[in-house]
Amino acid sequence: MVSGDLLKRIRLSRGLGRKVIADATGISERTIGGWERFESIPTQKQYDAFIKAVYTLEPRELGNKKKTKKENNIMGKIIGID
């Protein structure tokens, strides 16, 4: 399983707050924060939902620029979903 630090870096690289991920996945902000602080680890189902949310939220929902294909490919390689 990936580290909480990596999950946080992935989330922040997309400019996402915990609340946005929580709203998209149904996983509480507190739970996501616990992963990031190494207090708990996500189940496989939670991890999959987290990654899906990070990479499928539309830029208008994020209020940020859309990541380029190259940026997405790089992150995919980092987390092993290329």
Protein backbone atom coordinates (compact mmCIF):
# COMPACT_ATOMS: atom_id res chain seq x y z
CA MET A 1 0.00 0.00 0.00
CA VAL A 2 1.16 3.54 -0.63
CA SER A 3 2.21 5.92 2.11
CA GLY A 4 0.04 8.71 3.45
CA ASP A 5 2.68 11.18 2.35
CA LEU A 6 2.35 10.01 -1.25
CA LEU A 7 -1.44 10.30 -1.13
CA LYS A 8 -1.10 13.85 0.17
CA ARG A 9 1.42 14.76 -2.53
CA ILE A 10 -0.85 13.32 -5.22
CA ARG A 11 -3.84 15.24 -3.85
CA LEU A 12 -1.90 18.50 -3.59
CA SER A 13 -0.34 18.09 -7.05
CA ARG A 14 -3.88 18.32 -8.44
CA GLY A 15 -4.70 21.30 -6.23
CA LEU A 16 -7.37 19.38 -4.31
CA GLY A 17 -8.43 19.96 -0.75
CA ARG A 18 -9.50 17.12 1.49
CA LYS A 19 -13.09 18.34 1.31
CA VAL A 20 -13.22 18.01 -2.47
CA ILE A 21 -11.95 14.43 -2.28
CA ALA A 22 -14.29 13.67 0.62
CA ASP A 23 -17.31 14.99 -1.28
CA ALA A 24 -16.39 13.00 -4.39
CA THR A 25 -15.71 9.71 -2.60
CA GLY A 26 -17.91 9.68 0.48
CA ILE A 27 -14.77 9.22 2.58
CA SER A 28 -14.58 11.71 5.45
CA GLU A 29 -12.03 14.51 5.53
CA ARG A 30 -10.94 13.19 8.91
CA THR A 31 -10.22 9.74 7.45
CA ILE A 32 -8.21 11.21 4.59
CA GLY A 33 -6.26 13.32 7.08
CA GLY A 34 -5.58 10.21 9.15
CA TRP A 35 -4.02 8.51 6.15
CA GLU A 36 -1.85 11.54 5.50
CA ARG A 37 -0.69 11.63 9.14
CA PHE A 38 0.04 7.86 9.14
CA GLU A 39 -2.68 7.26 11.75
CA SER A 40 -4.47 4.73 9.54
CA ILE A 41 -4.28 3.23 6.08
CA PRO A 42 -6.96 3.13 3.40
CA THR A 43 -8.62 -0.10 2.39
CA GLN A 44 -8.15 -1.10 -1.23
CA LYS A 45 -11.67 0.15 -1.99
CA GLN A 46 -10.95 3.53 -0.36
CA TYR A 47 -7.61 3.82 -2.15
CA ASP A 48 -9.24 3.07 -5.50
CA ALA A 49 -11.96 5.69 -4.86
CA PHE A 50 -9.33 8.25 -3.83
CA ILE A 51 -7.23 7.72 -6.97
CA LYS A 52 -10.29 7.73 -9.22
CA ALA A 53 -11.48 11.01 -7.70
CA VAL A 54 -8.06 12.65 -8.03
CA TYR A 55 -7.86 11.81 -11.72
CA THR A 56 -11.49 12.18 -12.83
CA LEU A 57 -12.64 15.42 -11.24
CA GLU A 58 -13.13 18.02 -13.94
CA PRO A 59 -11.07 21.23 -13.82
CA ARG A 60 -14.22 23.34 -13.39
CA GLU A 61 -14.90 21.39 -10.19
CA LEU A 62 -11.36 22.04 -9.04
CA GLY A 63 -11.10 25.68 -9.98
CA ASN A 64 -7.66 24.91 -11.43
CA LYS A 65 -6.13 24.48 -14.84
CA LYS A 66 -6.45 21.10 -16.50
CA LYS A 67 -3.35 18.95 -16.20
CA THR A 68 -1.62 18.16 -19.45
CA LYS A 69 -1.41 14.62 -20.75
CA LYS A 70 2.31 14.65 -19.89
CA GLU A 71 1.60 15.67 -16.27
CA ASN A 72 -1.01 12.92 -15.92
CA ASN A 73 1.36 10.35 -17.42
CA ILE A 74 4.09 11.33 -14.97
CA MET A 75 1.75 11.01 -11.97
CA GLY A 76 0.41 7.72 -13.32
CA LYS A 77 3.95 6.35 -13.43
CA ILE A 78 4.66 7.58 -9.91
CA ILE A 79 1.66 5.78 -8.47
CA GLY A 80 1.80 2.82 -10.84
CA ILE A 81 -1.34 3.30 -12.93
CA ASP A 82 0.20 4.08 -16.32
